[in-house]
Amino acid sequence: MSFVGNLTLFVLSAFVGYEIITKIPTNLHTPLMSGANAISGITLLGSVVVAGSGSTTLATALGFVAVVMATINVVGGYLVSHFMLSEFSQGGR
């Protein structure tokens, strides 16, 4: 794909993702968080593959940035999920 095609796909994905996320009721956020963590884990694996491919310096640098951002997303998601689930199990403190 060309750069313009990739950019178009990225922008459309961002709009669709935003529309989907804003329409989710708040009582579904915790169950969906675990699903999102699984997807972020797949993203992390893909970014590790890109970072390790070594095809170009730009691909390696962008892959590294993607690894860092996906790791932050996965760890943060699991911490938030753990906190939310602990609230339910302790009866709201």
N, C-alpha and C. Protein backbone atom coordinates (compact mmCIF):
# COMPACT_ATOMS: atom_id res chain seq x y z
N MET A 1 0.83 -1.19 0.00
CA MET A 1 0.00 0.00 0.00
C MET A 1 0.87 1.25 0.00
N SER A 2 0.34 2.27 -0.58
CA SER A 2 1.07 3.53 -0.59
C SER A 2 0.89 4.25 0.74
N PHE A 3 1.68 5.30 0.91
CA PHE A 3 1.59 6.09 2.13
C PHE A 3 0.21 6.70 2.29
N VAL A 4 -0.35 7.20 1.19
CA VAL A 4 -1.67 7.83 1.25
C VAL A 4 -2.73 6.78 1.63
N GLY A 5 -2.62 5.58 1.09
CA GLY A 5 -3.55 4.52 1.43
C GLY A 5 -3.46 4.13 2.90
N ASN A 6 -2.23 4.01 3.40
CA ASN A 6 -2.03 3.70 4.82
C ASN A 6 -2.55 4.81 5.72
N LEU A 7 -2.30 6.05 5.35
CA LEU A 7 -2.78 7.19 6.14
C LEU A 7 -4.31 7.24 6.14
N THR A 8 -4.92 6.98 4.99
CA THR A 8 -6.37 6.96 4.91
C THR A 8 -6.96 5.87 5.80
N LEU A 9 -6.36 4.68 5.77
CA LEU A 9 -6.81 3.59 6.61
C LEU A 9 -6.67 3.92 8.09
N PHE A 10 -5.57 4.57 8.47
CA PHE A 10 -5.35 4.96 9.85
C PHE A 10 -6.39 5.98 10.31
N VAL A 11 -6.66 6.99 9.50
CA VAL A 11 -7.62 8.03 9.88
C VAL A 11 -9.03 7.44 9.99
N LEU A 12 -9.41 6.60 9.05
CA LEU A 12 -10.73 5.98 9.12
C LEU A 12 -10.85 5.07 10.34
N SER A 13 -9.79 4.35 10.67
CA SER A 13 -9.80 3.48 11.85
C SER A 13 -9.94 4.32 13.12
N ALA A 14 -9.27 5.45 13.16
CA ALA A 14 -9.36 6.33 14.33
C ALA A 14 -10.79 6.84 14.51
N PHE A 15 -11.43 7.26 13.42
CA PHE A 15 -12.81 7.75 13.52
C PHE A 15 -13.77 6.64 13.95
N VAL A 16 -13.64 5.46 13.35
CA VAL A 16 -14.51 4.35 13.71
C VAL A 16 -14.30 3.95 15.17
N GLY A 17 -13.04 3.87 15.60
CA GLY A 17 -12.74 3.54 17.00
C GLY A 17 -13.33 4.54 17.96
N TYR A 18 -13.21 5.81 17.64
CA TYR A 18 -13.77 6.84 18.50
C TYR A 18 -15.28 6.70 18.60
N GLU A 19 -15.94 6.49 17.48
CA GLU A 19 -17.40 6.36 17.48
C GLU A 19 -17.85 5.13 18.29
N ILE A 20 -17.12 4.04 18.16
CA ILE A 20 -17.49 2.83 18.90
C ILE A 20 -17.30 3.04 20.40
N ILE A 21 -16.17 3.60 20.80
CA ILE A 21 -15.86 3.78 22.22
C ILE A 21 -16.85 4.74 22.89
N THR A 22 -17.22 5.80 22.21
CA THR A 22 -18.12 6.78 22.84
C THR A 22 -19.55 6.26 22.99
N LYS A 23 -19.90 5.20 22.30
CA LYS A 23 -21.26 4.66 22.38
C LYS A 23 -21.40 3.53 23.39
N ILE A 24 -20.33 3.17 24.10
CA ILE A 24 -20.37 2.08 25.07
C ILE A 24 -20.90 2.60 26.40
N PRO A 25 -21.91 1.95 26.99
CA PRO A 25 -22.41 2.37 28.30
C PRO A 25 -21.34 2.17 29.38
N THR A 26 -21.40 2.97 30.42
CA THR A 26 -20.35 2.94 31.45
C THR A 26 -20.33 1.63 32.21
N ASN A 27 -21.46 0.93 32.34
CA ASN A 27 -21.45 -0.33 33.08
C ASN A 27 -20.77 -1.47 32.31
N LEU A 28 -20.43 -1.25 31.07
CA LEU A 28 -19.72 -2.27 30.29
C LEU A 28 -18.22 -2.01 30.19
N HIS A 29 -17.72 -0.93 30.76
CA HIS A 29 -16.32 -0.60 30.59
C HIS A 29 -15.39 -1.64 31.20
N THR A 30 -15.69 -2.15 32.39
CA THR A 30 -14.80 -3.11 33.02
C THR A 30 -14.72 -4.42 32.25
N PRO A 31 -15.84 -5.03 31.81
CA PRO A 31 -15.70 -6.26 31.02
C PRO A 31 -14.99 -6.03 29.68
N LEU A 32 -15.25 -4.89 29.08
CA LEU A 32 -14.62 -4.62 27.79
C LEU A 32 -13.14 -4.29 27.94
N MET A 33 -12.73 -3.84 29.14
CA MET A 33 -11.33 -3.52 29.37
C MET A 33 -10.47 -4.77 29.22
N SER A 34 -10.94 -5.91 29.70
CA SER A 34 -10.15 -7.13 29.59
C SER A 34 -10.03 -7.55 28.13
N GLY A 35 -11.09 -7.35 27.35
CA GLY A 35 -11.00 -7.63 25.92
C GLY A 35 -10.04 -6.69 25.21
N ALA A 36 -10.07 -5.43 25.61
CA ALA A 36 -9.16 -4.46 25.03
C ALA A 36 -7.71 -4.78 25.41
N ASN A 37 -7.50 -5.31 26.62
CA ASN A 37 -6.15 -5.70 27.02
C ASN A 37 -5.64 -6.84 26.15
N ALA A 38 -6.51 -7.76 25.79
CA ALA A 38 -6.10 -8.86 24.91
C ALA A 38 -5.71 -8.33 23.54
N ILE A 39 -6.49 -7.39 23.03
CA ILE A 39 -6.16 -6.79 21.73
C ILE A 39 -4.85 -6.01 21.83
N SER A 40 -4.64 -5.32 22.94
CA SER A 40 -3.39 -4.58 23.12
C SER A 40 -2.20 -5.53 23.21
N GLY A 41 -2.42 -6.71 23.77
CA GLY A 41 -1.36 -7.71 23.80
C GLY A 41 -0.97 -8.16 22.40
N ILE A 42 -1.97 -8.31 21.52
CA ILE A 42 -1.68 -8.66 20.13
C ILE A 42 -0.94 -7.52 19.45
N THR A 43 -1.35 -6.29 19.75
CA THR A 43 -0.65 -5.12 19.20
C THR A 43 0.80 -5.09 19.67
N LEU A 44 1.01 -5.45 20.93
CA LEU A 44 2.37 -5.50 21.47
C LEU A 44 3.21 -6.52 20.73
N LEU A 45 2.66 -7.69 20.47
CA LEU A 45 3.40 -8.71 19.72
C LEU A 45 3.74 -8.23 18.31
N GLY A 46 2.77 -7.59 17.65
CA GLY A 46 3.03 -7.07 16.32
C GLY A 46 4.10 -6.00 16.30
N SER A 47 4.09 -5.14 17.31
CA SER A 47 5.09 -4.08 17.36
C SER A 47 6.48 -4.63 17.67
N VAL A 48 6.54 -5.72 18.44
CA VAL A 48 7.84 -6.37 18.69
C VAL A 48 8.39 -6.95 17.39
N VAL A 49 7.50 -7.54 16.58
CA VAL A 49 7.93 -8.09 15.29
C VAL A 49 8.46 -6.99 14.39
N VAL A 50 7.75 -5.86 14.33
CA VAL A 50 8.19 -4.74 13.49
C VAL A 50 9.51 -4.18 14.00
N ALA A 51 9.62 -4.00 15.32
CA ALA A 51 10.86 -3.45 15.88
C ALA A 51 12.03 -4.39 15.66
N GLY A 52 11.79 -5.68 15.69
CA GLY A 52 12.86 -6.64 15.53
C GLY A 52 13.18 -7.00 14.10
N SER A 53 12.37 -6.54 13.16
CA SER A 53 12.62 -6.90 11.76
C SER A 53 13.90 -6.30 11.23
N GLY A 54 14.22 -5.09 11.65
CA GLY A 54 15.47 -4.45 11.24
C GLY A 54 15.52 -4.12 9.77
N SER A 55 14.36 -4.00 9.11
CA SER A 55 14.37 -3.73 7.68
C SER A 55 14.91 -2.33 7.38
N THR A 56 14.46 -1.34 8.15
CA THR A 56 15.00 0.02 8.03
C THR A 56 15.12 0.61 9.43
N THR A 57 15.90 1.65 9.52
CA THR A 57 16.06 2.32 10.81
C THR A 57 14.74 2.96 11.24
N LEU A 58 13.98 3.51 10.29
CA LEU A 58 12.69 4.12 10.61
C LEU A 58 11.72 3.08 11.14
N ALA A 59 11.68 1.90 10.52
CA ALA A 59 10.78 0.83 10.98
C ALA A 59 11.17 0.39 12.39
N THR A 60 12.45 0.28 12.65
CA THR A 60 12.91 -0.13 13.97
C THR A 60 12.55 0.93 15.02
N ALA A 61 12.74 2.21 14.69
CA ALA A 61 12.43 3.29 15.63
C ALA A 61 10.92 3.35 15.89
N LEU A 62 10.11 3.29 14.84
CA LEU A 62 8.67 3.33 15.02
C LEU A 62 8.18 2.08 15.75
N GLY A 63 8.80 0.94 15.47
CA GLY A 63 8.45 -0.29 16.18
C GLY A 63 8.76 -0.18 17.66
N PHE A 64 9.89 0.43 17.98
CA PHE A 64 10.25 0.62 19.39
C PHE A 64 9.25 1.53 20.09
N VAL A 65 8.87 2.62 19.44
CA VAL A 65 7.88 3.53 20.01
C VAL A 65 6.56 2.79 20.20
N ALA A 66 6.19 1.96 19.23
CA ALA A 66 4.95 1.19 19.35
C ALA A 66 5.03 0.19 20.49
N VAL A 67 6.19 -0.43 20.70
CA VAL A 67 6.36 -1.36 21.82
C VAL A 67 6.17 -0.64 23.14
N VAL A 68 6.77 0.53 23.28
CA VAL A 68 6.66 1.30 24.52
C VAL A 68 5.20 1.70 24.77
N MET A 69 4.53 2.21 23.75
CA MET A 69 3.15 2.67 23.92
C MET A 69 2.21 1.49 24.19
N ALA A 70 2.39 0.39 23.50
CA ALA A 70 1.53 -0.78 23.73
C ALA A 70 1.77 -1.37 25.12
N THR A 71 3.01 -1.35 25.59
CA THR A 71 3.31 -1.85 26.93
C THR A 71 2.63 -0.98 27.98
N ILE A 72 2.70 0.32 27.82
CA ILE A 72 2.03 1.23 28.76
C ILE A 72 0.53 0.97 28.75
N ASN A 73 -0.03 0.76 27.57
CA ASN A 73 -1.46 0.50 27.45
C ASN A 73 -1.85 -0.80 28.13
N VAL A 74 -1.08 -1.86 27.92
CA VAL A 74 -1.40 -3.15 28.53
C VAL A 74 -1.28 -3.09 30.05
N VAL A 75 -0.18 -2.55 30.54
CA VAL A 75 0.03 -2.48 31.99
C VAL A 75 -1.02 -1.58 32.64
N GLY A 76 -1.28 -0.44 32.06
CA GLY A 76 -2.30 0.46 32.60
C GLY A 76 -3.67 -0.17 32.58
N GLY A 77 -4.01 -0.87 31.52
CA GLY A 77 -5.31 -1.54 31.43
C GLY A 77 -5.47 -2.61 32.49
N TYR A 78 -4.43 -3.39 32.72
CA TYR A 78 -4.52 -4.42 33.74
C TYR A 78 -4.59 -3.82 35.15
N LEU A 79 -3.89 -2.73 35.38
CA LEU A 79 -3.97 -2.08 36.69
C LEU A 79 -5.37 -1.52 36.94
N VAL A 80 -5.95 -0.90 35.92
CA VAL A 80 -7.30 -0.36 36.07
C VAL A 80 -8.30 -1.50 36.27
N SER A 81 -8.16 -2.57 35.49
CA SER A 81 -9.06 -3.73 35.65
C SER A 81 -8.94 -4.33 37.04
N HIS A 82 -7.71 -4.47 37.51
CA HIS A 82 -7.50 -5.03 38.84
C HIS A 82 -8.14 -4.15 39.92
N PHE A 83 -7.97 -2.85 39.79
CA PHE A 83 -8.57 -1.94 40.75
C PHE A 83 -10.10 -2.03 40.73
N MET A 84 -10.67 -2.04 39.53
CA MET A 84 -12.13 -2.11 39.41
C MET A 84 -12.66 -3.42 39.99
N LEU A 85 -12.00 -4.53 39.71
CA LEU A 85 -12.46 -5.81 40.22
C LEU A 85 -12.28 -5.91 41.72
N SER A 86 -11.24 -5.29 42.27
CA SER A 86 -11.08 -5.30 43.72
C SER A 86 -12.15 -4.48 44.42
N GLU A 87 -12.65 -3.46 43.76
CA GLU A 87 -13.76 -2.68 44.31
C GLU A 87 -15.02 -3.53 44.44
N PHE A 88 -15.26 -4.38 43.45
CA PHE A 88 -16.44 -5.24 43.49
C PHE A 88 -16.30 -6.32 44.55
N SER A 89 -15.10 -6.89 44.68
CA SER A 89 -14.93 -8.02 45.60
C SER A 89 -14.92 -7.58 47.06
N GLN A 90 -14.54 -6.35 47.36
CA GLN A 90 -14.49 -5.87 48.74
C GLN A 90 -15.77 -5.16 49.15
N GLY A 91 -16.74 -5.12 48.28
CA GLY A 91 -17.99 -4.47 48.62
C GLY A 91 -17.90 -2.96 48.66
N GLY A 92 -17.03 -2.37 47.85
CA GLY A 92 -16.91 -0.92 47.81
C GLY A 92 -16.15 -0.34 48.99
N ARG A 93 -15.32 -1.12 49.64
CA ARG A 93 -14.45 -0.72 50.76
C ARG A 93 -15.27 -0.48 51.95
